[in-house]
Amino acid sequence: MQHKHDAQHEALMNMKQLRLELRAWANWWLRHEYGKGYAARSSCDRLKDPITYGTTVSERDINPPPGVIRYDRRIEQLAPECRRAIRAQYLCRGKWALLDFDSRKSFVFWLRRAELALVR
């Protein structure tokens, strides 16, 4: 019985650590990428735009720390719905409707799926 409890506790601590690191990742991007004056559009609104490939971080004169780069790469490997859920939760502070989720239930499903994929 104790072994099962220890495994559950460890899984919970891993999820807490992941969420803490994702908040740090999002806060870094919010401070550096979107913090250069007042934008004509909100950062969450811009996340709905099609992704333009070929623009790298170095081309934008932003030098993220290694932990941020690591999460960028891990999130990039997720399914598109998972990426949208992560962005909605951590960059848009849980405003799931801004990223065109049909319902809160759908948003939570994709967010949990993304977090489980990242915690492995």
PDB file of N, CA and C in Angstrom:
ATOM      1  N   MET A   1       0.821  -1.192   0.000  1.00  0.00           N
ATOM      2  CA  MET A   1       0.000   0.000   0.000  1.00  0.00           C
ATOM      3  C   MET A   1       0.868   1.261   0.000  1.00  0.00           C
ATOM      4  N   GLN A   2       1.928   1.246   0.790  1.00  0.00           N
ATOM      5  CA  GLN A   2       2.826   2.396   0.877  1.00  0.00           C
ATOM      6  C   GLN A   2       3.494   2.689  -0.470  1.00  0.00           C
ATOM      7  N   HIS A   3       3.851   1.637  -1.218  1.00  0.00           N
ATOM      8  CA  HIS A   3       4.500   1.812  -2.521  1.00  0.00           C
ATOM      9  C   HIS A   3       3.580   2.551  -3.492  1.00  0.00           C
ATOM     10  N   LYS A   4       2.296   2.187  -3.500  1.00  0.00           N
ATOM     11  CA  LYS A   4       1.333   2.856  -4.388  1.00  0.00           C
ATOM     12  C   LYS A   4       1.207   4.328  -4.007  1.00  0.00           C
ATOM     13  N   HIS A   5       1.163   4.606  -2.715  1.00  0.00           N
ATOM     14  CA  HIS A   5       1.070   5.980  -2.240  1.00  0.00           C
ATOM     15  C   HIS A   5       2.301   6.786  -2.656  1.00  0.00           C
ATOM     16  N   ASP A   6       3.480   6.188  -2.537  1.00  0.00           N
ATOM     17  CA  ASP A   6       4.714   6.865  -2.926  1.00  0.00           C
ATOM     18  C   ASP A   6       4.722   7.200  -4.412  1.00  0.00           C
ATOM     19  N   ALA A   7       4.250   6.292  -5.248  1.00  0.00           N
ATOM     20  CA  ALA A   7       4.198   6.527  -6.692  1.00  0.00           C
ATOM     21  C   ALA A   7       3.222   7.655  -7.013  1.00  0.00           C
ATOM     22  N   GLN A   8       2.075   7.688  -6.346  1.00  0.00           N
ATOM     23  CA  GLN A   8       1.100   8.758  -6.575  1.00  0.00           C
ATOM     24  C   GLN A   8       1.670  10.100  -6.132  1.00  0.00           C
ATOM     25  N   HIS A   9       2.350  10.094  -4.990  1.00  0.00           N
ATOM     26  CA  HIS A   9       2.950  11.324  -4.482  1.00  0.00           C
ATOM     27  C   HIS A   9       4.026  11.836  -5.442  1.00  0.00           C
ATOM     28  N   GLU A  10       4.834  10.935  -5.961  1.00  0.00           N
ATOM     29  CA  GLU A  10       5.886  11.324  -6.904  1.00  0.00           C
ATOM     30  C   GLU A  10       5.286  11.890  -8.186  1.00  0.00           C
ATOM     31  N   ALA A  11       4.234  11.263  -8.697  1.00  0.00           N
ATOM     32  CA  ALA A  11       3.575  11.756  -9.910  1.00  0.00           C
ATOM     33  C   ALA A  11       2.991  13.145  -9.675  1.00  0.00           C
ATOM     34  N   LEU A  12       2.391  13.357  -8.504  1.00  0.00           N
ATOM     35  CA  LEU A  12       1.829  14.658  -8.165  1.00  0.00           C
ATOM     36  C   LEU A  12       2.930  15.712  -8.083  1.00  0.00           C
ATOM     37  N   MET A  13       4.045  15.366  -7.465  1.00  0.00           N
ATOM     38  CA  MET A  13       5.149  16.311  -7.357  1.00  0.00           C
ATOM     39  C   MET A  13       5.736  16.624  -8.731  1.00  0.00           C
ATOM     40  N   ASN A  14       5.810  15.631  -9.619  1.00  0.00           N
ATOM     41  CA  ASN A  14       6.298  15.883 -10.976  1.00  0.00           C
ATOM     42  C   ASN A  14       5.378  16.842 -11.720  1.00  0.00           C
ATOM     43  N   MET A  15       4.052  16.687 -11.559  1.00  0.00           N
ATOM     44  CA  MET A  15       3.098  17.566 -12.224  1.00  0.00           C
ATOM     45  C   MET A  15       3.194  18.983 -11.659  1.00  0.00           C
ATOM     46  N   LYS A  16       3.363  19.092 -10.349  1.00  0.00           N
ATOM     47  CA  LYS A  16       3.526  20.418  -9.742  1.00  0.00           C
ATOM     48  C   LYS A  16       4.794  21.090 -10.268  1.00  0.00           C
ATOM     49  N   GLN A  17       5.873  20.333 -10.364  1.00  0.00           N
ATOM     50  CA  GLN A  17       7.129  20.880 -10.871  1.00  0.00           C
ATOM     51  C   GLN A  17       6.985  21.309 -12.329  1.00  0.00           C
ATOM     52  N   LEU A  18       6.316  20.482 -13.131  1.00  0.00           N
ATOM     53  CA  LEU A  18       6.091  20.823 -14.536  1.00  0.00           C
ATOM     54  C   LEU A  18       5.313  22.129 -14.651  1.00  0.00           C
ATOM     55  N   ARG A  19       4.237  22.255 -13.895  1.00  0.00           N
ATOM     56  CA  ARG A  19       3.415  23.476 -13.960  1.00  0.00           C
ATOM     57  C   ARG A  19       4.191  24.702 -13.504  1.00  0.00           C
ATOM     58  N   LEU A  20       5.017  24.532 -12.514  1.00  0.00           N
ATOM     59  CA  LEU A  20       5.873  25.623 -12.052  1.00  0.00           C
ATOM     60  C   LEU A  20       6.834  26.045 -13.169  1.00  0.00           C
ATOM     61  N   GLU A  21       7.445  25.075 -13.827  1.00  0.00           N
ATOM     62  CA  GLU A  21       8.380  25.379 -14.916  1.00  0.00           C
ATOM     63  C   GLU A  21       7.662  25.978 -16.122  1.00  0.00           C
ATOM     64  N   LEU A  22       6.448  25.517 -16.417  1.00  0.00           N
ATOM     65  CA  LEU A  22       5.688  26.096 -17.530  1.00  0.00           C
ATOM     66  C   LEU A  22       5.291  27.543 -17.233  1.00  0.00           C
ATOM     67  N   ARG A  23       4.968  27.830 -15.982  1.00  0.00           N
ATOM     68  CA  ARG A  23       4.667  29.224 -15.621  1.00  0.00           C
ATOM     69  C   ARG A  23       5.904  30.099 -15.790  1.00  0.00           C
ATOM     70  N   ALA A  24       7.059  29.583 -15.400  1.00  0.00           N
ATOM     71  CA  ALA A  24       8.306  30.341 -15.578  1.00  0.00           C
ATOM     72  C   ALA A  24       8.597  30.555 -17.059  1.00  0.00           C
ATOM     73  N   TRP A  25       8.377  29.515 -17.874  1.00  0.00           N
ATOM     74  CA  TRP A  25       8.559  29.610 -19.330  1.00  0.00           C
ATOM     75  C   TRP A  25       7.662  30.702 -19.910  1.00  0.00           C
ATOM     76  N   ALA A  26       6.388  30.657 -19.544  1.00  0.00           N
ATOM     77  CA  ALA A  26       5.424  31.633 -20.070  1.00  0.00           C
ATOM     78  C   ALA A  26       5.754  33.042 -19.591  1.00  0.00           C
ATOM     79  N   ASN A  27       6.096  33.180 -18.322  1.00  0.00           N
ATOM     80  CA  ASN A  27       6.433  34.506 -17.799  1.00  0.00           C
ATOM     81  C   ASN A  27       7.634  35.097 -18.511  1.00  0.00           C
ATOM     82  N   TRP A  28       8.619  34.263 -18.833  1.00  0.00           N
ATOM     83  CA  TRP A  28       9.787  34.771 -19.552  1.00  0.00           C
ATOM     84  C   TRP A  28       9.364  35.317 -20.918  1.00  0.00           C
ATOM     85  N   TRP A  29       8.552  34.534 -21.652  1.00  0.00           N
ATOM     86  CA  TRP A  29       8.117  34.990 -22.972  1.00  0.00           C
ATOM     87  C   TRP A  29       7.225  36.224 -22.880  1.00  0.00           C
ATOM     88  N   LEU A  30       6.357  36.281 -21.904  1.00  0.00           N
ATOM     89  CA  LEU A  30       5.495  37.447 -21.748  1.00  0.00           C
ATOM     90  C   LEU A  30       6.309  38.699 -21.451  1.00  0.00           C
ATOM     91  N   ARG A  31       7.343  38.573 -20.648  1.00  0.00           N
ATOM     92  CA  ARG A  31       8.190  39.729 -20.339  1.00  0.00           C
ATOM     93  C   ARG A  31       9.044  40.159 -21.516  1.00  0.00           C
ATOM     94  N   HIS A  32       9.574  39.208 -22.271  1.00  0.00           N
ATOM     95  CA  HIS A  32      10.554  39.550 -23.298  1.00  0.00           C
ATOM     96  C   HIS A  32       9.982  39.744 -24.684  1.00  0.00           C
ATOM     97  N   GLU A  33       9.073  38.902 -25.081  1.00  0.00           N
ATOM     98  CA  GLU A  33       8.569  38.997 -26.442  1.00  0.00           C
ATOM     99  C   GLU A  33       7.468  40.038 -26.576  1.00  0.00           C
ATOM    100  N   TYR A  34       6.614  40.103 -25.580  1.00  0.00           N
ATOM    101  CA  TYR A  34       5.461  40.987 -25.684  1.00  0.00           C
ATOM    102  C   TYR A  34       5.615  42.247 -24.856  1.00  0.00           C
ATOM    103  N   GLY A  35       6.699  42.402 -24.166  1.00  0.00           N
ATOM    104  CA  GLY A  35       6.850  43.524 -23.260  1.00  0.00           C
ATOM    105  C   GLY A  35       7.525  44.734 -23.852  1.00  0.00           C
ATOM    106  N   LYS A  36       7.580  44.857 -25.138  1.00  0.00           N
ATOM    107  CA  LYS A  36       8.271  45.979 -25.773  1.00  0.00           C
ATOM    108  C   LYS A  36       7.265  47.047 -26.210  1.00  0.00           C
ATOM    109  N   GLY A  37       6.637  47.704 -25.260  1.00  0.00           N
ATOM    110  CA  GLY A  37       5.673  48.744 -25.590  1.00  0.00           C
ATOM    111  C   GLY A  37       4.273  48.187 -25.717  1.00  0.00           C
ATOM    112  N   TYR A  38       3.374  49.025 -26.178  1.00  0.00           N
ATOM    113  CA  TYR A  38       1.979  48.632 -26.308  1.00  0.00           C
ATOM    114  C   TYR A  38       1.722  48.094 -27.702  1.00  0.00           C
ATOM    115  N   ALA A  39       1.158  46.913 -27.761  1.00  0.00           N
ATOM    116  CA  ALA A  39       0.881  46.289 -29.049  1.00  0.00           C
ATOM    117  C   ALA A  39      -0.511  46.681 -29.530  1.00  0.00           C
ATOM    118  N   ALA A  40      -0.703  46.645 -30.849  1.00  0.00           N
ATOM    119  CA  ALA A  40      -2.008  46.925 -31.423  1.00  0.00           C
ATOM    120  C   ALA A  40      -2.972  45.779 -31.146  1.00  0.00           C
ATOM    121  N   ARG A  41      -2.440  44.590 -30.954  1.00  0.00           N
ATOM    122  CA  ARG A  41      -3.245  43.401 -30.673  1.00  0.00           C
ATOM    123  C   ARG A  41      -2.682  42.710 -29.451  1.00  0.00           C
ATOM    124  N   SER A  42      -3.548  42.015 -28.737  1.00  0.00           N
ATOM    125  CA  SER A  42      -3.076  41.298 -27.554  1.00  0.00           C
ATOM    126  C   SER A  42      -2.219  40.109 -27.980  1.00  0.00           C
ATOM    127  N   SER A  43      -1.338  39.687 -27.092  1.00  0.00           N
ATOM    128  CA  SER A  43      -0.476  38.553 -27.392  1.00  0.00           C
ATOM    129  C   SER A  43      -1.287  37.286 -27.587  1.00  0.00           C
ATOM    130  N   CYS A  44      -2.369  37.137 -26.846  1.00  0.00           N
ATOM    131  CA  CYS A  44      -3.210  35.939 -26.988  1.00  0.00           C
ATOM    132  C   CYS A  44      -3.916  35.937 -28.337  1.00  0.00           C
ATOM    133  N   ASP A  45      -4.320  37.099 -28.803  1.00  0.00           N
ATOM    134  CA  ASP A  45      -4.974  37.192 -30.103  1.00  0.00           C
ATOM    135  C   ASP A  45      -3.995  36.820 -31.210  1.00  0.00           C
ATOM    136  N   ARG A  46      -2.736  37.230 -31.070  1.00  0.00           N
ATOM    137  CA  ARG A  46      -1.733  36.918 -32.086  1.00  0.00           C
ATOM    138  C   ARG A  46      -1.404  35.435 -32.146  1.00  0.00           C
ATOM    139  N   LEU A  47      -1.635  34.701 -31.058  1.00  0.00           N
ATOM    140  CA  LEU A  47      -1.342  33.270 -31.045  1.00  0.00           C
ATOM    141  C   LEU A  47      -2.226  32.496 -32.009  1.00  0.00           C
ATOM    142  N   LYS A  48      -3.380  33.052 -32.387  1.00  0.00           N
ATOM    143  CA  LYS A  48      -4.279  32.374 -33.321  1.00  0.00           C
ATOM    144  C   LYS A  48      -3.792  32.482 -34.762  1.00  0.00           C
ATOM    145  N   ASP A  49      -2.883  33.424 -35.033  1.00  0.00           N
ATOM    146  CA  ASP A  49      -2.374  33.590 -36.396  1.00  0.00           C
ATOM    147  C   ASP A  49      -1.618  32.351 -36.835  1.00  0.00           C
ATOM    148  N   PRO A  50      -1.602  32.100 -38.146  1.00  0.00           N
ATOM    149  CA  PRO A  50      -0.818  30.948 -38.631  1.00  0.00           C
ATOM    150  C   PRO A  50       0.648  31.107 -38.257  1.00  0.00           C
ATOM    151  N   ILE A  51       1.270  29.980 -37.954  1.00  0.00           N
ATOM    152  CA  ILE A  51       2.683  30.002 -37.578  1.00  0.00           C
ATOM    153  C   ILE A  51       3.514  30.218 -38.835  1.00  0.00           C
ATOM    154  N   THR A  52       4.429  31.161 -38.764  1.00  0.00           N
ATOM    155  CA  THR A  52       5.323  31.406 -39.894  1.00  0.00           C
ATOM    156  C   THR A  52       6.650  30.740 -39.580  1.00  0.00           C
ATOM    157  N   TYR A  53       6.991  29.763 -40.369  1.00  0.00           N
ATOM    158  CA  TYR A  53       8.232  29.033 -40.162  1.00  0.00           C
ATOM    159  C   TYR A  53       9.382  29.789 -40.809  1.00  0.00           C
ATOM    160  N   GLY A  54      10.554  29.572 -40.297  1.00  0.00           N
ATOM    161  CA  GLY A  54      11.734  30.213 -40.846  1.00  0.00           C
ATOM    162  C   GLY A  54      12.209  31.373 -39.997  1.00  0.00           C
ATOM    163  N   THR A  55      11.380  31.875 -39.080  1.00  0.00           N
ATOM    164  CA  THR A  55      11.792  32.936 -38.186  1.00  0.00           C
ATOM    165  C   THR A  55      12.277  32.290 -36.908  1.00  0.00           C
ATOM    166  N   THR A  56      13.547  32.398 -36.670  1.00  0.00           N
ATOM    167  CA  THR A  56      14.104  31.776 -35.468  1.00  0.00           C
ATOM    168  C   THR A  56      14.205  32.810 -34.365  1.00  0.00           C
ATOM    169  N   VAL A  57      14.418  32.327 -33.165  1.00  0.00           N
ATOM    170  CA  VAL A  57      14.545  33.214 -32.018  1.00  0.00           C
ATOM    171  C   VAL A  57      15.696  34.178 -32.208  1.00  0.00           C
ATOM    172  N   SER A  58      16.820  33.704 -32.739  1.00  0.00           N
ATOM    173  CA  SER A  58      17.987  34.570 -32.901  1.00  0.00           C
ATOM    174  C   SER A  58      17.727  35.693 -33.891  1.00  0.00           C
ATOM    175  N   GLU A  59      16.836  35.470 -34.856  1.00  0.00           N
ATOM    176  CA  GLU A  59      16.535  36.516 -35.823  1.00  0.00           C
ATOM    177  C   GLU A  59      15.747  37.652 -35.191  1.00  0.00           C
ATOM    178  N   ARG A  60      15.113  37.388 -34.053  1.00  0.00           N
ATOM    179  CA  ARG A  60      14.321  38.412 -33.382  1.00  0.00           C
ATOM    180  C   ARG A  60      15.115  39.082 -32.266  1.00  0.00           C
ATOM    181  N   ASP A  61      16.394  38.812 -32.189  1.00  0.00           N
ATOM    182  CA  ASP A  61      17.271  39.398 -31.175  1.00  0.00           C
ATOM    183  C   ASP A  61      16.807  39.108 -29.751  1.00  0.00           C
ATOM    184  N   ILE A  62      16.286  37.929 -29.543  1.00  0.00           N
ATOM    185  CA  ILE A  62      15.895  37.486 -28.214  1.00  0.00           C
ATOM    186  C   ILE A  62      16.749  36.273 -27.887  1.00  0.00           C
ATOM    187  N   ASN A  63      17.350  36.291 -26.727  1.00  0.00           N
ATOM    188  CA  ASN A  63      18.213  35.181 -26.314  1.00  0.00           C
ATOM    189  C   ASN A  63      17.628  34.513 -25.077  1.00  0.00           C
ATOM    190  N   PRO A  64      16.739  33.556 -25.268  1.00  0.00           N
ATOM    191  CA  PRO A  64      16.152  32.890 -24.109  1.00  0.00           C
ATOM    192  C   PRO A  64      17.158  32.012 -23.386  1.00  0.00           C
ATOM    193  N   PRO A  65      16.951  31.822 -22.087  1.00  0.00           N
ATOM    194  CA  PRO A  65      17.830  30.921 -21.339  1.00  0.00           C
ATOM    195  C   PRO A  65      17.600  29.473 -21.758  1.00  0.00           C
ATOM    196  N   PRO A  66      18.524  28.582 -21.446  1.00  0.00           N
ATOM    197  CA  PRO A  66      18.406  27.186 -21.878  1.00  0.00           C
ATOM    198  C   PRO A  66      17.107  26.500 -21.453  1.00  0.00           C
ATOM    199  N   GLY A  67      16.604  26.803 -20.265  1.00  0.00           N
ATOM    200  CA  GLY A  67      15.357  26.182 -19.808  1.00  0.00           C
ATOM    201  C   GLY A  67      14.173  26.573 -20.671  1.00  0.00           C
ATOM    202  N   VAL A  68      14.141  27.810 -21.120  1.00  0.00           N
ATOM    203  CA  VAL A  68      13.061  28.285 -21.991  1.00  0.00           C
ATOM    204  C   VAL A  68      13.173  27.623 -23.362  1.00  0.00           C
ATOM    205  N   ILE A  69      14.375  27.536 -23.885  1.00  0.00           N
ATOM    206  CA  ILE A  69      14.591  26.883 -25.178  1.00  0.00           C
ATOM    207  C   ILE A  69      14.174  25.416 -25.112  1.00  0.00           C
ATOM    208  N   ARG A  70      14.514  24.762 -23.998  1.00  0.00           N
ATOM    209  CA  ARG A  70      14.153  23.347 -23.830  1.00  0.00           C
ATOM    210  C   ARG A  70      12.638  23.165 -23.876  1.00  0.00           C
ATOM    211  N   TYR A  71      11.892  24.025 -23.168  1.00  0.00           N
ATOM    212  CA  TYR A  71      10.430  23.912 -23.200  1.00  0.00           C
ATOM    213  C   TYR A  71       9.861  24.316 -24.550  1.00  0.00           C
ATOM    214  N   ASP A  72      10.460  25.289 -25.220  1.00  0.00           N
ATOM    215  CA  ASP A  72      10.017  25.639 -26.583  1.00  0.00           C
ATOM    216  C   ASP A  72      10.069  24.409 -27.487  1.00  0.00           C
ATOM    217  N   ARG A  73      11.184  23.693 -27.425  1.00  0.00           N
ATOM    218  CA  ARG A  73      11.353  22.512 -28.277  1.00  0.00           C
ATOM    219  C   ARG A  73      10.393  21.390 -27.900  1.00  0.00           C
ATOM    220  N   ARG A  74      10.214  21.168 -26.613  1.00  0.00           N
ATOM    221  CA  ARG A  74       9.302  20.109 -26.169  1.00  0.00           C
ATOM    222  C   ARG A  74       7.854  20.432 -26.541  1.00  0.00           C
ATOM    223  N   ILE A  75       7.451  21.676 -26.381  1.00  0.00           N
ATOM    224  CA  ILE A  75       6.078  22.080 -26.719  1.00  0.00           C
ATOM    225  C   ILE A  75       5.862  22.022 -28.222  1.00  0.00           C
ATOM    226  N   GLU A  76       6.875  22.375 -28.984  1.00  0.00           N
ATOM    227  CA  GLU A  76       6.777  22.332 -30.447  1.00  0.00           C
ATOM    228  C   GLU A  76       6.501  20.912 -30.953  1.00  0.00           C
ATOM    229  N   GLN A  77       6.921  19.903 -30.225  1.00  0.00           N
ATOM    230  CA  GLN A  77       6.730  18.512 -30.642  1.00  0.00           C
ATOM    231  C   GLN A  77       5.333  17.983 -30.312  1.00  0.00           C
ATOM    232  N   LEU A  78       4.549  18.731 -29.552  1.00  0.00           N
ATOM    233  CA  LEU A  78       3.201  18.294 -29.186  1.00  0.00           C
ATOM    234  C   LEU A  78       2.235  18.453 -30.356  1.00  0.00           C
ATOM    235  N   ALA A  79       1.091  17.801 -30.249  1.00  0.00           N
ATOM    236  CA  ALA A  79       0.016  17.964 -31.234  1.00  0.00           C
ATOM    237  C   ALA A  79      -0.450  19.424 -31.221  1.00  0.00           C
ATOM    238  N   PRO A  80      -0.957  19.931 -32.345  1.00  0.00           N
ATOM    239  CA  PRO A  80      -1.385  21.338 -32.408  1.00  0.00           C
ATOM    240  C   PRO A  80      -2.395  21.721 -31.315  1.00  0.00           C
ATOM    241  N   GLU A  81      -3.338  20.839 -31.011  1.00  0.00           N
ATOM    242  CA  GLU A  81      -4.329  21.133 -29.980  1.00  0.00           C
ATOM    243  C   GLU A  81      -3.675  21.243 -28.604  1.00  0.00           C
ATOM    244  N   CYS A  82      -2.676  20.405 -28.366  1.00  0.00           N
ATOM    245  CA  CYS A  82      -1.939  20.454 -27.100  1.00  0.00           C
ATOM    246  C   CYS A  82      -1.165  21.766 -26.986  1.00  0.00           C
ATOM    247  N   ARG A  83      -0.535  22.189 -28.070  1.00  0.00           N
ATOM    248  CA  ARG A  83       0.200  23.464 -28.060  1.00  0.00           C
ATOM    249  C   ARG A  83      -0.750  24.622 -27.777  1.00  0.00           C
ATOM    250  N   ARG A  84      -1.920  24.602 -28.420  1.00  0.00           N
ATOM    251  CA  ARG A  84      -2.904  25.672 -28.180  1.00  0.00           C
ATOM    252  C   ARG A  84      -3.342  25.688 -26.723  1.00  0.00           C
ATOM    253  N   ALA A  85      -3.548  24.510 -26.144  1.00  0.00           N
ATOM    254  CA  ALA A  85      -3.982  24.433 -24.746  1.00  0.00           C
ATOM    255  C   ALA A  85      -2.902  24.968 -23.802  1.00  0.00           C
ATOM    256  N   ILE A  86      -1.648  24.603 -24.053  1.00  0.00           N
ATOM    257  CA  ILE A  86      -0.540  25.114 -23.235  1.00  0.00           C
ATOM    258  C   ILE A  86      -0.478  26.632 -23.342  1.00  0.00           C
ATOM    259  N   ARG A  87      -0.592  27.154 -24.543  1.00  0.00           N
ATOM    260  CA  ARG A  87      -0.549  28.612 -24.735  1.00  0.00           C
ATOM    261  C   ARG A  87      -1.728  29.290 -24.040  1.00  0.00           C
ATOM    262  N   ALA A  88      -2.917  28.701 -24.171  1.00  0.00           N
ATOM    263  CA  ALA A  88      -4.096  29.286 -23.531  1.00  0.00           C
ATOM    264  C   ALA A  88      -3.922  29.326 -22.015  1.00  0.00           C
ATOM    265  N   GLN A  89      -3.437  28.245 -21.448  1.00  0.00           N
ATOM    266  CA  GLN A  89      -3.301  28.159 -19.991  1.00  0.00           C
ATOM    267  C   GLN A  89      -2.197  29.053 -19.458  1.00  0.00           C
ATOM    268  N   TYR A  90      -1.044  29.010 -20.077  1.00  0.00           N
ATOM    269  CA  TYR A  90       0.116  29.660 -19.482  1.00  0.00           C
ATOM    270  C   TYR A  90       0.417  31.042 -20.060  1.00  0.00           C
ATOM    271  N   LEU A  91       0.172  31.277 -21.334  1.00  0.00           N
ATOM    272  CA  LEU A  91       0.419  32.604 -21.906  1.00  0.00           C
ATOM    273  C   LEU A  91      -0.806  33.505 -21.819  1.00  0.00           C
ATOM    274  N   CYS A  92      -1.991  32.919 -21.933  1.00  0.00           N
ATOM    275  CA  CYS A  92      -3.235  33.705 -21.894  1.00  0.00           C
ATOM    276  C   CYS A  92      -3.941  33.574 -20.559  1.00  0.00           C
ATOM    277  N   ARG A  93      -3.268  32.992 -19.574  1.00  0.00           N
ATOM    278  CA  ARG A  93      -3.786  32.874 -18.218  1.00  0.00           C
ATOM    279  C   ARG A  93      -5.139  32.181 -18.140  1.00  0.00           C
ATOM    280  N   GLY A  94      -5.289  31.098 -18.913  1.00  0.00           N
ATOM    281  CA  GLY A  94      -6.484  30.263 -18.834  1.00  0.00           C
ATOM    282  C   GLY A  94      -7.664  30.740 -19.652  1.00  0.00           C
ATOM    283  N   LYS A  95      -7.486  31.743 -20.468  1.00  0.00           N
ATOM    284  CA  LYS A  95      -8.584  32.260 -21.295  1.00  0.00           C
ATOM    285  C   LYS A  95      -8.694  31.415 -22.563  1.00  0.00           C
ATOM    286  N   TRP A  96      -9.247  30.236 -22.403  1.00  0.00           N
ATOM    287  CA  TRP A  96      -9.296  29.224 -23.465  1.00  0.00           C
ATOM    288  C   TRP A  96     -10.108  29.659 -24.668  1.00  0.00           C
ATOM    289  N   ALA A  97     -11.109  30.474 -24.488  1.00  0.00           N
ATOM    290  CA  ALA A  97     -11.951  30.895 -25.614  1.00  0.00           C
ATOM    291  C   ALA A  97     -11.170  31.744 -26.618  1.00  0.00           C
ATOM    292  N   LEU A  98     -10.113  32.405 -26.163  1.00  0.00           N
ATOM    293  CA  LEU A  98      -9.298  33.229 -27.062  1.00  0.00           C
ATOM    294  C   LEU A  98      -8.583  32.391 -28.119  1.00  0.00           C
ATOM    295  N   LEU A  99      -8.380  31.113 -27.830  1.00  0.00           N
ATOM    296  CA  LEU A  99      -7.691  30.249 -28.777  1.00  0.00           C
ATOM    297  C   LEU A  99      -8.645  29.262 -29.427  1.00  0.00           C
ATOM    298  N   ASP A 100      -9.897  29.607 -29.495  1.00  0.00           N
ATOM    299  CA  ASP A 100     -10.926  28.891 -30.270  1.00  0.00           C
ATOM    300  C   ASP A 100     -11.199  27.464 -29.819  1.00  0.00           C
ATOM    301  N   PHE A 101     -11.152  27.200 -28.515  1.00  0.00           N
ATOM    302  CA  PHE A 101     -11.608  25.898 -28.038  1.00  0.00           C
ATOM    303  C   PHE A 101     -13.132  25.931 -27.990  1.00  0.00           C
ATOM    304  N   ASP A 102     -13.757  24.819 -28.341  1.00  0.00           N
ATOM    305  CA  ASP A 102     -15.214  24.749 -28.378  1.00  0.00           C
ATOM    306  C   ASP A 102     -15.837  24.879 -26.998  1.00  0.00           C
ATOM    307  N   SER A 103     -15.177  24.306 -26.003  1.00  0.00           N
ATOM    308  CA  SER A 103     -15.721  24.314 -24.647  1.00  0.00           C
ATOM    309  C   SER A 103     -14.589  24.219 -23.641  1.00  0.00           C
ATOM    310  N   ARG A 104     -14.916  24.498 -22.408  1.00  0.00           N
ATOM    311  CA  ARG A 104     -13.921  24.356 -21.344  1.00  0.00           C
ATOM    312  C   ARG A 104     -13.510  22.895 -21.203  1.00  0.00           C
ATOM    313  N   LYS A 105     -14.453  21.994 -21.400  1.00  0.00           N
ATOM    314  CA  LYS A 105     -14.166  20.561 -21.299  1.00  0.00           C
ATOM    315  C   LYS A 105     -13.117  20.149 -22.344  1.00  0.00           C
ATOM    316  N   SER A 106     -13.257  20.645 -23.556  1.00  0.00           N
ATOM    317  CA  SER A 106     -12.293  20.353 -24.618  1.00  0.00           C
ATOM    318  C   SER A 106     -10.918  20.932 -24.270  1.00  0.00           C
ATOM    319  N   PHE A 107     -10.914  22.160 -23.787  1.00  0.00           N
ATOM    320  CA  PHE A 107      -9.661  22.810 -23.391  1.00  0.00           C
ATOM    321  C   PHE A 107      -8.947  22.010 -22.306  1.00  0.00           C
ATOM    322  N   VAL A 108      -9.680  21.591 -21.268  1.00  0.00           N
ATOM    323  CA  VAL A 108      -9.083  20.838 -20.161  1.00  0.00           C
ATOM    324  C   VAL A 108      -8.557  19.498 -20.651  1.00  0.00           C
ATOM    325  N   PHE A 109      -9.298  18.840 -21.562  1.00  0.00           N
ATOM    326  CA  PHE A 109      -8.843  17.565 -22.114  1.00  0.00           C
ATOM    327  C   PHE A 109      -7.480  17.732 -22.778  1.00  0.00           C
ATOM    328  N   TRP A 110      -7.353  18.731 -23.671  1.00  0.00           N
ATOM    329  CA  TRP A 110      -6.094  18.925 -24.403  1.00  0.00           C
ATOM    330  C   TRP A 110      -4.974  19.416 -23.493  1.00  0.00           C
ATOM    331  N   LEU A 111      -5.314  20.227 -22.493  1.00  0.00           N
ATOM    332  CA  LEU A 111      -4.305  20.695 -21.548  1.00  0.00           C
ATOM    333  C   LEU A 111      -3.744  19.519 -20.750  1.00  0.00           C
ATOM    334  N   ARG A 112      -4.607  18.665 -20.236  1.00  0.00           N
ATOM    335  CA  ARG A 112      -4.139  17.503 -19.465  1.00  0.00           C
ATOM    336  C   ARG A 112      -3.314  16.566 -20.337  1.00  0.00           C
ATOM    337  N   ARG A 113      -3.747  16.384 -21.561  1.00  0.00           N
ATOM    338  CA  ARG A 113      -2.989  15.523 -22.476  1.00  0.00           C
ATOM    339  C   ARG A 113      -1.590  16.107 -22.718  1.00  0.00           C
ATOM    340  N   ALA A 114      -1.514  17.416 -22.904  1.00  0.00           N
ATOM    341  CA  ALA A 114      -0.226  18.064 -23.130  1.00  0.00           C
ATOM    342  C   ALA A 114       0.662  17.964 -21.885  1.00  0.00           C
ATOM    343  N   GLU A 115       0.091  18.219 -20.723  1.00  0.00           N
ATOM    344  CA  GLU A 115       0.884  18.158 -19.502  1.00  0.00           C
ATOM    345  C   GLU A 115       1.397  16.727 -19.239  1.00  0.00           C
ATOM    346  N   LEU A 116       0.557  15.747 -19.491  1.00  0.00           N
ATOM    347  CA  LEU A 116       0.999  14.356 -19.309  1.00  0.00           C
ATOM    348  C   LEU A 116       2.119  13.995 -20.276  1.00  0.00           C
ATOM    349  N   ALA A 117       2.039  14.507 -21.502  1.00  0.00           N
ATOM    350  CA  ALA A 117       3.104  14.240 -22.485  1.00  0.00           C
ATOM    351  C   ALA A 117       4.410  14.926 -22.053  1.00  0.00           C
ATOM    352  N   LEU A 118       4.310  16.119 -21.477  1.00  0.00           N
ATOM    353  CA  LEU A 118       5.509  16.845 -21.073  1.00  0.00           C
ATOM    354  C   LEU A 118       6.136  16.306 -19.795  1.00  0.00           C
ATOM    355  N   VAL A 119       5.324  15.713 -18.929  1.00  0.00           N
ATOM    356  CA  VAL A 119       5.852  15.222 -17.657  1.00  0.00           C
ATOM    357  C   VAL A 119       6.638  13.922 -17.836  1.00  0.00           C
ATOM    358  N   ARG A 120       6.467  13.236 -18.937  1.00  0.00           N
ATOM    359  CA  ARG A 120       7.193  11.984 -19.201  1.00  0.00           C
ATOM    360  C   ARG A 120       8.618  12.233 -19.579  1.00  0.00           C
TER     361      ARG A 120
END
